[in-house]
Structures are given as structure tokens and as C-alpha cells.
Amino acid sequence: MVIIEKKNIGNNIRSLLGAVIATCAVIFPIASSGDRSPVSSTYRMPTGELAICTDHTDGVRMNDVATSDQCLAFLKEDIYRATNHVAYMTPKITDHPNIFIAATEFTFKSGKKSYTDSPMLKYFNRGEWKMGCQAFEGYAITHSLTIKPARYNCVKE
């Protein structure tokens, strides 16, 4: 497992990470009980990739199993990666916490490439925050995704 060091994360991002983790934890609840028995095993995503826990794909091999503590660690790692990607691709987004959370949630669920290729990114980088938020809905429809919580967080801004 790759651990992303917090020192690589800017001050604005660090202050928002708690909110991002809380938002994603509500959407993807994993109880950390300290129990060492397996709670998740390898499965195949629609893309064909092997995954475990909450669609964690990095380094997953066939027949892997994970405990609740491992799943929680994977979740945090994946959230950090999504957060860093959104902040890197959209530097001014950290000034808009709800939009930042929405974009991070979208990236976490859909992948870095989906965010990089999305109309939301293009609008956000032009400073067209409202148009970017509205683009979530159209993107969801054309890509058969359920991203309503992301759009809801975005329009609260």
C-alpha cells in the first residue's frame, strides 16, 4: 500500500480533508472494529479491473481478502489520491469547499481520468463554478452514473 504523506498537501487542502473524508465515509460506510476477520474479497469491476473493499484497485490481486481496518486504510488512501488529483488539476477549487468536496467525491467514485476529461474540470478552471456544478448532472446522464450527492454538495456553494 502506498501512503501519501500529508506534507505534500497544501494548507487549504489539509483543512478540507476532514470534510471530504466525512462526506465519503457517509457514502461508503466502513466500520473499523479491530476485528481481523476478512470482510471483503476481490471482485471484478465493470471495467475488468480487480478491486476490493470500496472499489480499491491499486495492487489488488485475485483472491486477496481485507479486514475492516485494511478497507478503512484503502478508503483513506483513495480519498487522499482523489483529493490531491482534484487540487492539482484545479488549483483554485480549494477556495470553494463545497465544490472541492463534490469534485473529490466524483473523482473518488469515477476515477482520475473521468475528472480530467470532464466538462466540470474545464468550467472550474475557467472560474465558471455554477456551470461546472450544473455539468455534473449532464455528465451523470450521458455516462449512466449516480452522482447526485456530488451535485448537491456543489450547488450549495
N, C-alpha and C. Protein backbone atom coordinates (compact mmCIF):
# COMPACT_ATOMS: atom_id res chain seq x y z
N MET A 1 0.84 -1.17 0.00
CA MET A 1 0.00 0.00 0.00
C MET A 1 0.89 1.24 0.00
N VAL A 2 0.53 2.24 -0.80
CA VAL A 2 1.27 3.49 -0.87
C VAL A 2 0.64 4.47 0.10
N ILE A 3 1.44 5.08 0.94
CA ILE A 3 0.94 6.07 1.88
C ILE A 3 1.31 7.44 1.34
N ILE A 4 0.33 8.30 1.20
CA ILE A 4 0.56 9.65 0.73
C ILE A 4 0.84 10.52 1.94
N GLU A 5 1.99 11.16 1.95
CA GLU A 5 2.37 11.95 3.09
C GLU A 5 1.58 13.25 3.13
N LYS A 6 1.14 13.63 4.31
CA LYS A 6 0.36 14.85 4.46
C LYS A 6 1.16 16.10 4.14
N LYS A 7 2.49 16.03 4.24
CA LYS A 7 3.28 17.23 3.97
C LYS A 7 3.18 17.65 2.50
N ASN A 8 2.75 16.77 1.61
CA ASN A 8 2.58 17.11 0.21
C ASN A 8 1.27 17.84 -0.06
N ILE A 9 0.45 17.95 0.95
CA ILE A 9 -0.87 18.54 0.78
C ILE A 9 -0.83 19.97 1.28
N GLY A 10 -1.34 20.92 0.49
CA GLY A 10 -1.35 22.32 0.87
C GLY A 10 -2.23 22.59 2.07
N ASN A 11 -2.05 23.77 2.68
CA ASN A 11 -2.81 24.12 3.89
C ASN A 11 -4.31 24.14 3.66
N ASN A 12 -4.77 24.72 2.54
CA ASN A 12 -6.21 24.75 2.27
C ASN A 12 -6.76 23.33 2.13
N ILE A 13 -6.02 22.48 1.44
CA ILE A 13 -6.48 21.11 1.23
C ILE A 13 -6.51 20.36 2.55
N ARG A 14 -5.46 20.53 3.35
CA ARG A 14 -5.40 19.82 4.63
C ARG A 14 -6.60 20.19 5.49
N SER A 15 -7.00 21.46 5.47
CA SER A 15 -8.14 21.88 6.29
C SER A 15 -9.46 21.33 5.76
N LEU A 16 -9.51 20.99 4.50
CA LEU A 16 -10.74 20.45 3.91
C LEU A 16 -10.82 18.93 3.93
N LEU A 17 -9.69 18.26 4.18
CA LEU A 17 -9.68 16.80 4.11
C LEU A 17 -10.65 16.16 5.08
N GLY A 18 -10.77 16.71 6.27
CA GLY A 18 -11.71 16.14 7.24
C GLY A 18 -13.12 16.11 6.69
N ALA A 19 -13.53 17.21 6.05
CA ALA A 19 -14.88 17.27 5.47
C ALA A 19 -15.02 16.28 4.32
N VAL A 20 -13.99 16.16 3.51
CA VAL A 20 -14.04 15.22 2.38
C VAL A 20 -14.15 13.79 2.89
N ILE A 21 -13.32 13.44 3.87
CA ILE A 21 -13.36 12.08 4.42
C ILE A 21 -14.71 11.81 5.06
N ALA A 22 -15.24 12.79 5.80
CA ALA A 22 -16.55 12.60 6.43
C ALA A 22 -17.63 12.40 5.39
N THR A 23 -17.59 13.18 4.30
CA THR A 23 -18.59 13.06 3.23
C THR A 23 -18.51 11.68 2.59
N CYS A 24 -17.30 11.24 2.24
CA CYS A 24 -17.14 9.93 1.60
C CYS A 24 -17.45 8.80 2.57
N ALA A 25 -17.16 8.99 3.85
CA ALA A 25 -17.44 7.93 4.82
C ALA A 25 -18.93 7.71 4.98
N VAL A 26 -19.72 8.78 4.82
CA VAL A 26 -21.17 8.63 4.88
C VAL A 26 -21.66 7.85 3.67
N ILE A 27 -21.05 8.11 2.54
CA ILE A 27 -21.46 7.45 1.31
C ILE A 27 -20.96 6.01 1.26
N PHE A 28 -19.76 5.77 1.79
CA PHE A 28 -19.15 4.45 1.78
C PHE A 28 -18.81 4.03 3.21
N PRO A 29 -19.82 3.67 4.01
CA PRO A 29 -19.52 3.37 5.42
C PRO A 29 -18.73 2.08 5.58
N ILE A 30 -17.68 2.17 6.38
CA ILE A 30 -16.89 1.00 6.76
C ILE A 30 -16.65 1.13 8.25
N ALA A 31 -17.07 0.17 9.00
CA ALA A 31 -16.85 0.19 10.44
C ALA A 31 -15.50 -0.42 10.75
N SER A 32 -14.70 0.30 11.49
CA SER A 32 -13.42 -0.24 11.92
C SER A 32 -13.60 -0.81 13.31
N SER A 33 -13.65 -2.10 13.38
CA SER A 33 -13.94 -2.76 14.65
C SER A 33 -12.70 -3.37 15.28
N GLY A 34 -11.58 -3.35 14.57
CA GLY A 34 -10.40 -4.02 15.07
C GLY A 34 -10.44 -5.52 14.84
N ASP A 35 -11.55 -5.99 14.31
CA ASP A 35 -11.70 -7.42 14.01
C ASP A 35 -10.77 -7.78 12.85
N ARG A 36 -10.06 -8.85 12.98
CA ARG A 36 -9.10 -9.26 11.95
C ARG A 36 -9.70 -10.23 10.93
N SER A 37 -10.97 -10.54 11.04
CA SER A 37 -11.55 -11.46 10.05
C SER A 37 -11.85 -10.71 8.75
N PRO A 38 -11.70 -11.41 7.64
CA PRO A 38 -11.93 -10.77 6.34
C PRO A 38 -13.37 -10.29 6.18
N VAL A 39 -13.51 -9.09 5.64
CA VAL A 39 -14.84 -8.53 5.38
C VAL A 39 -15.04 -8.28 3.88
N SER A 40 -13.97 -8.36 3.13
CA SER A 40 -14.06 -8.09 1.70
C SER A 40 -13.10 -8.99 0.95
N SER A 41 -13.53 -9.44 -0.22
CA SER A 41 -12.64 -10.23 -1.07
C SER A 41 -12.63 -9.59 -2.46
N THR A 42 -11.73 -10.05 -3.27
CA THR A 42 -11.53 -9.50 -4.61
C THR A 42 -12.78 -9.69 -5.48
N TYR A 43 -13.09 -8.67 -6.23
CA TYR A 43 -14.17 -8.75 -7.21
C TYR A 43 -13.73 -7.99 -8.46
N ARG A 44 -14.45 -8.21 -9.54
CA ARG A 44 -14.11 -7.56 -10.80
C ARG A 44 -15.06 -6.39 -11.04
N MET A 45 -14.47 -5.24 -11.33
CA MET A 45 -15.25 -4.04 -11.63
C MET A 45 -15.78 -4.15 -13.06
N PRO A 46 -16.78 -3.33 -13.41
CA PRO A 46 -17.30 -3.36 -14.79
C PRO A 46 -16.21 -3.10 -15.84
N THR A 47 -15.16 -2.39 -15.44
CA THR A 47 -14.05 -2.11 -16.36
C THR A 47 -13.13 -3.30 -16.54
N GLY A 48 -13.34 -4.35 -15.72
CA GLY A 48 -12.50 -5.53 -15.78
C GLY A 48 -11.38 -5.54 -14.74
N GLU A 49 -11.15 -4.39 -14.08
CA GLU A 49 -10.11 -4.31 -13.06
C GLU A 49 -10.52 -5.10 -11.82
N LEU A 50 -9.53 -5.65 -11.13
CA LEU A 50 -9.77 -6.29 -9.86
C LEU A 50 -9.86 -5.22 -8.78
N ALA A 51 -10.80 -5.40 -7.85
CA ALA A 51 -10.98 -4.42 -6.79
C ALA A 51 -11.30 -5.14 -5.48
N ILE A 52 -11.21 -4.38 -4.41
CA ILE A 52 -11.53 -4.89 -3.07
C ILE A 52 -12.09 -3.73 -2.25
N CYS A 53 -12.88 -4.03 -1.26
CA CYS A 53 -13.46 -3.03 -0.34
C CYS A 53 -14.35 -2.05 -1.10
N THR A 54 -13.98 -0.77 -1.12
CA THR A 54 -14.78 0.26 -1.79
C THR A 54 -14.18 0.60 -3.15
N ASP A 55 -14.09 -0.39 -4.00
CA ASP A 55 -13.54 -0.25 -5.36
C ASP A 55 -12.06 0.14 -5.36
N HIS A 56 -11.31 -0.25 -4.34
CA HIS A 56 -9.87 -0.01 -4.30
C HIS A 56 -9.22 -0.96 -5.30
N THR A 57 -8.41 -0.43 -6.22
CA THR A 57 -7.84 -1.24 -7.29
C THR A 57 -6.31 -1.32 -7.26
N ASP A 58 -5.66 -0.45 -6.52
CA ASP A 58 -4.20 -0.38 -6.54
C ASP A 58 -3.57 -1.62 -5.91
N GLY A 59 -2.85 -2.40 -6.72
CA GLY A 59 -2.13 -3.56 -6.22
C GLY A 59 -2.99 -4.76 -5.86
N VAL A 60 -4.25 -4.77 -6.25
CA VAL A 60 -5.15 -5.87 -5.90
C VAL A 60 -4.89 -7.05 -6.82
N ARG A 61 -4.83 -8.24 -6.20
CA ARG A 61 -4.63 -9.48 -6.96
C ARG A 61 -5.81 -10.41 -6.70
N MET A 62 -6.00 -11.34 -7.61
CA MET A 62 -7.07 -12.33 -7.47
C MET A 62 -6.92 -13.04 -6.13
N ASN A 63 -8.04 -13.28 -5.47
CA ASN A 63 -8.12 -13.99 -4.18
C ASN A 63 -7.60 -13.20 -2.98
N ASP A 64 -7.33 -11.89 -3.13
CA ASP A 64 -6.98 -11.06 -1.98
C ASP A 64 -8.20 -10.94 -1.07
N VAL A 65 -7.96 -10.79 0.21
CA VAL A 65 -9.01 -10.51 1.19
C VAL A 65 -8.54 -9.33 2.05
N ALA A 66 -9.49 -8.65 2.68
CA ALA A 66 -9.13 -7.50 3.51
C ALA A 66 -10.02 -7.46 4.75
N THR A 67 -9.45 -6.99 5.85
CA THR A 67 -10.21 -6.79 7.08
C THR A 67 -10.85 -5.40 7.03
N SER A 68 -11.70 -5.11 7.98
CA SER A 68 -12.33 -3.79 8.02
C SER A 68 -11.29 -2.70 8.21
N ASP A 69 -10.26 -2.96 9.01
CA ASP A 69 -9.20 -1.96 9.19
C ASP A 69 -8.43 -1.73 7.89
N GLN A 70 -8.16 -2.79 7.14
CA GLN A 70 -7.48 -2.62 5.86
C GLN A 70 -8.36 -1.85 4.87
N CYS A 71 -9.67 -2.16 4.87
CA CYS A 71 -10.58 -1.45 3.98
C CYS A 71 -10.61 0.04 4.32
N LEU A 72 -10.61 0.36 5.60
CA LEU A 72 -10.59 1.76 6.02
C LEU A 72 -9.30 2.44 5.57
N ALA A 73 -8.18 1.75 5.68
CA ALA A 73 -6.90 2.31 5.22
C ALA A 73 -6.92 2.53 3.71
N PHE A 74 -7.47 1.58 2.95
CA PHE A 74 -7.59 1.75 1.50
C PHE A 74 -8.48 2.95 1.17
N LEU A 75 -9.58 3.08 1.90
CA LEU A 75 -10.50 4.18 1.67
C LEU A 75 -9.79 5.52 1.87
N LYS A 76 -9.07 5.64 2.98
CA LYS A 76 -8.35 6.89 3.25
C LYS A 76 -7.30 7.17 2.17
N GLU A 77 -6.58 6.15 1.76
CA GLU A 77 -5.57 6.30 0.72
C GLU A 77 -6.22 6.78 -0.58
N ASP A 78 -7.34 6.16 -0.95
CA ASP A 78 -8.02 6.54 -2.19
C ASP A 78 -8.58 7.95 -2.12
N ILE A 79 -9.07 8.35 -0.93
CA ILE A 79 -9.58 9.72 -0.77
C ILE A 79 -8.44 10.72 -0.90
N TYR A 80 -7.29 10.43 -0.28
CA TYR A 80 -6.13 11.32 -0.41
C TYR A 80 -5.72 11.47 -1.87
N ARG A 81 -5.70 10.37 -2.59
CA ARG A 81 -5.32 10.44 -4.00
C ARG A 81 -6.31 11.27 -4.81
N ALA A 82 -7.59 11.06 -4.58
CA ALA A 82 -8.61 11.83 -5.29
C ALA A 82 -8.50 13.31 -4.94
N THR A 83 -8.30 13.59 -3.67
CA THR A 83 -8.17 14.98 -3.20
C THR A 83 -6.98 15.66 -3.84
N ASN A 84 -5.84 14.99 -3.82
CA ASN A 84 -4.63 15.57 -4.43
C ASN A 84 -4.81 15.80 -5.92
N HIS A 85 -5.47 14.87 -6.59
CA HIS A 85 -5.67 15.00 -8.04
C HIS A 85 -6.56 16.20 -8.35
N VAL A 86 -7.65 16.34 -7.63
CA VAL A 86 -8.57 17.46 -7.87
C VAL A 86 -7.85 18.78 -7.61
N ALA A 87 -7.12 18.87 -6.51
CA ALA A 87 -6.42 20.12 -6.19
C ALA A 87 -5.32 20.43 -7.20
N TYR A 88 -4.65 19.41 -7.69
CA TYR A 88 -3.60 19.61 -8.69
C TYR A 88 -4.19 20.07 -10.02
N MET A 89 -5.27 19.43 -10.44
CA MET A 89 -5.88 19.76 -11.73
C MET A 89 -6.67 21.07 -11.70
N THR A 90 -7.14 21.47 -10.52
CA THR A 90 -7.99 22.65 -10.38
C THR A 90 -7.50 23.47 -9.18
N PRO A 91 -6.40 24.17 -9.30
CA PRO A 91 -5.78 24.84 -8.15
C PRO A 91 -6.69 25.78 -7.37
N LYS A 92 -7.58 26.51 -8.02
CA LYS A 92 -8.41 27.49 -7.31
C LYS A 92 -9.63 26.86 -6.63
N ILE A 93 -9.83 25.56 -6.79
CA ILE A 93 -11.01 24.91 -6.25
C ILE A 93 -11.00 24.87 -4.72
N THR A 94 -9.82 24.94 -4.11
CA THR A 94 -9.76 24.87 -2.65
C THR A 94 -10.36 26.10 -1.99
N ASP A 95 -10.58 27.16 -2.76
CA ASP A 95 -11.27 28.35 -2.24
C ASP A 95 -12.78 28.16 -2.22
N HIS A 96 -13.26 27.05 -2.75
CA HIS A 96 -14.69 26.74 -2.84
C HIS A 96 -14.92 25.36 -2.21
N PRO A 97 -15.02 25.30 -0.88
CA PRO A 97 -15.03 24.00 -0.18
C PRO A 97 -16.09 23.02 -0.66
N ASN A 98 -17.31 23.45 -0.87
CA ASN A 98 -18.37 22.52 -1.28
C ASN A 98 -18.11 21.97 -2.68
N ILE A 99 -17.62 22.81 -3.56
CA ILE A 99 -17.30 22.36 -4.92
C ILE A 99 -16.10 21.41 -4.87
N PHE A 100 -15.13 21.72 -4.02
CA PHE A 100 -13.96 20.86 -3.85
C PHE A 100 -14.39 19.48 -3.36
N ILE A 101 -15.28 19.44 -2.40
CA ILE A 101 -15.79 18.16 -1.88
C ILE A 101 -16.52 17.40 -2.98
N ALA A 102 -17.36 18.11 -3.74
CA ALA A 102 -18.11 17.47 -4.81
C ALA A 102 -17.18 16.88 -5.87
N ALA A 103 -16.17 17.66 -6.27
CA ALA A 103 -15.24 17.19 -7.29
C ALA A 103 -14.40 16.01 -6.78
N THR A 104 -14.04 16.06 -5.50
CA THR A 104 -13.28 14.96 -4.91
C THR A 104 -14.13 13.70 -4.84
N GLU A 105 -15.38 13.86 -4.43
CA GLU A 105 -16.30 12.70 -4.38
C GLU A 105 -16.47 12.10 -5.77
N PHE A 106 -16.65 12.97 -6.76
CA PHE A 106 -16.79 12.49 -8.15
C PHE A 106 -15.55 11.73 -8.58
N THR A 107 -14.36 12.29 -8.30
CA THR A 107 -13.10 11.66 -8.70
C THR A 107 -12.91 10.34 -7.97
N PHE A 108 -13.27 10.31 -6.70
CA PHE A 108 -13.16 9.09 -5.91
C PHE A 108 -14.02 7.99 -6.51
N LYS A 109 -15.24 8.34 -6.90
CA LYS A 109 -16.17 7.34 -7.43
C LYS A 109 -15.88 6.97 -8.88
N SER A 110 -15.48 7.95 -9.68
CA SER A 110 -15.38 7.75 -11.13
C SER A 110 -13.97 7.59 -11.65
N GLY A 111 -12.99 8.00 -10.88
CA GLY A 111 -11.60 7.88 -11.30
C GLY A 111 -11.00 9.18 -11.78
N LYS A 112 -9.68 9.24 -11.70
CA LYS A 112 -8.95 10.45 -12.07
C LYS A 112 -9.19 10.83 -13.53
N LYS A 113 -9.18 9.84 -14.41
CA LYS A 113 -9.35 10.12 -15.84
C LYS A 113 -10.72 10.73 -16.12
N SER A 114 -11.74 10.25 -15.42
CA SER A 114 -13.08 10.81 -15.62
C SER A 114 -13.11 12.29 -15.26
N TYR A 115 -12.46 12.65 -14.16
CA TYR A 115 -12.43 14.07 -13.78
C TYR A 115 -11.58 14.87 -14.76
N THR A 116 -10.43 14.33 -15.13
CA THR A 116 -9.53 15.04 -16.05
C THR A 116 -10.21 15.32 -17.38
N ASP A 117 -11.04 14.39 -17.86
CA ASP A 117 -11.71 14.53 -19.15
C ASP A 117 -13.08 15.19 -19.04
N SER A 118 -13.50 15.57 -17.86
CA SER A 118 -14.87 16.05 -17.65
C SER A 118 -15.06 17.52 -18.01
N PRO A 119 -16.30 17.87 -18.35
CA PRO A 119 -16.60 19.28 -18.57
C PRO A 119 -16.52 20.08 -17.26
N MET A 120 -16.73 19.41 -16.12
CA MET A 120 -16.66 20.12 -14.85
C MET A 120 -15.28 20.75 -14.67
N LEU A 121 -14.23 19.99 -14.95
CA LEU A 121 -12.87 20.49 -14.82
C LEU A 121 -12.66 21.72 -15.69
N LYS A 122 -13.13 21.65 -16.92
CA LYS A 122 -12.94 22.78 -17.83
C LYS A 122 -13.64 24.03 -17.32
N TYR A 123 -14.88 23.88 -16.85
CA TYR A 123 -15.60 25.03 -16.29
C TYR A 123 -14.92 25.55 -15.03
N PHE A 124 -14.55 24.66 -14.13
CA PHE A 124 -13.92 25.09 -12.88
C PHE A 124 -12.62 25.85 -13.15
N ASN A 125 -11.83 25.38 -14.10
CA ASN A 125 -10.56 26.06 -14.39
C ASN A 125 -10.75 27.41 -15.06
N ARG A 126 -11.92 27.65 -15.63
CA ARG A 126 -12.24 28.97 -16.18
C ARG A 126 -12.92 29.86 -15.14
N GLY A 127 -13.13 29.33 -13.93
CA GLY A 127 -13.79 30.10 -12.88
C GLY A 127 -15.30 30.13 -13.02
N GLU A 128 -15.84 29.27 -13.86
CA GLU A 128 -17.29 29.20 -14.06
C GLU A 128 -17.85 28.12 -13.15
N TRP A 129 -17.91 28.46 -11.85
CA TRP A 129 -18.24 27.49 -10.81
C TRP A 129 -19.67 26.96 -10.96
N LYS A 130 -20.62 27.84 -11.25
CA LYS A 130 -22.02 27.41 -11.37
C LYS A 130 -22.19 26.48 -12.58
N MET A 131 -21.58 26.83 -13.69
CA MET A 131 -21.68 25.98 -14.89
C MET A 131 -21.02 24.62 -14.63
N GLY A 132 -19.91 24.62 -13.92
CA GLY A 132 -19.24 23.37 -13.58
C GLY A 132 -20.13 22.47 -12.74
N CYS A 133 -20.83 23.09 -11.78
CA CYS A 133 -21.75 22.32 -10.94
C CYS A 133 -22.90 21.75 -11.76
N GLN A 134 -23.42 22.55 -12.66
CA GLN A 134 -24.51 22.08 -13.50
C GLN A 134 -24.06 20.96 -14.43
N ALA A 135 -22.79 20.95 -14.78
CA ALA A 135 -22.26 19.93 -15.69
C ALA A 135 -22.26 18.54 -15.05
N PHE A 136 -22.26 18.46 -13.71
CA PHE A 136 -22.32 17.15 -13.06
C PHE A 136 -23.54 16.36 -13.54
N GLU A 137 -24.69 17.05 -13.62
CA GLU A 137 -25.93 16.36 -13.99
C GLU A 137 -25.87 15.80 -15.41
N GLY A 138 -25.43 16.62 -16.34
CA GLY A 138 -25.32 16.16 -17.73
C GLY A 138 -24.32 15.03 -17.87
N TYR A 139 -23.21 15.13 -17.16
CA TYR A 139 -22.20 14.08 -17.20
C TYR A 139 -22.76 12.78 -16.67
N ALA A 140 -23.50 12.87 -15.57
CA ALA A 140 -24.09 11.67 -14.96
C ALA A 140 -25.05 10.98 -15.92
N ILE A 141 -25.86 11.77 -16.61
CA ILE A 141 -26.84 11.20 -17.53
C ILE A 141 -26.14 10.52 -18.71
N THR A 142 -25.18 11.22 -19.32
CA THR A 142 -24.52 10.66 -20.50
C THR A 142 -23.60 9.48 -20.18
N HIS A 143 -23.17 9.36 -18.93
CA HIS A 143 -22.27 8.27 -18.55
C HIS A 143 -22.93 7.26 -17.62
N SER A 144 -24.25 7.37 -17.46
CA SER A 144 -25.03 6.44 -16.62
C SER A 144 -24.44 6.31 -15.22
N LEU A 145 -24.15 7.44 -14.61
CA LEU A 145 -23.59 7.46 -13.26
C LEU A 145 -24.61 8.01 -12.28
N THR A 146 -24.46 7.62 -11.03
CA THR A 146 -25.26 8.21 -9.97
C THR A 146 -24.33 9.08 -9.15
N ILE A 147 -24.39 10.39 -9.36
CA ILE A 147 -23.51 11.31 -8.63
C ILE A 147 -24.32 12.44 -8.01
N LYS A 148 -25.55 12.15 -7.62
CA LYS A 148 -26.40 13.19 -7.05
C LYS A 148 -25.80 13.85 -5.82
N PRO A 149 -25.22 13.09 -4.87
CA PRO A 149 -24.63 13.78 -3.72
C PRO A 149 -23.56 14.78 -4.13
N ALA A 150 -22.76 14.45 -5.15
CA ALA A 150 -21.71 15.37 -5.61
C ALA A 150 -22.34 16.65 -6.13
N ARG A 151 -23.39 16.55 -6.93
CA ARG A 151 -24.01 17.74 -7.47
C ARG A 151 -24.66 18.55 -6.35
N TYR A 152 -25.29 17.87 -5.39
CA TYR A 152 -25.93 18.57 -4.28
C TYR A 152 -24.90 19.38 -3.49
N ASN A 153 -23.77 18.77 -3.17
CA ASN A 153 -22.72 19.49 -2.44
C ASN A 153 -22.23 20.69 -3.25
N CYS A 154 -22.11 20.49 -4.53
CA CYS A 154 -21.59 21.54 -5.40
C CYS A 154 -22.50 22.76 -5.43
N VAL A 155 -23.79 22.57 -5.58
CA VAL A 155 -24.69 23.72 -5.73
C VAL A 155 -24.96 24.43 -4.41
N LYS A 156 -24.53 23.85 -3.27
CA LYS A 156 -24.67 24.55 -2.00
C LYS A 156 -23.71 25.73 -1.92
N GLU A 157 -22.71 25.76 -2.78
CA GLU A 157 -21.68 26.79 -2.76
C GLU A 157 -22.27 28.16 -3.03
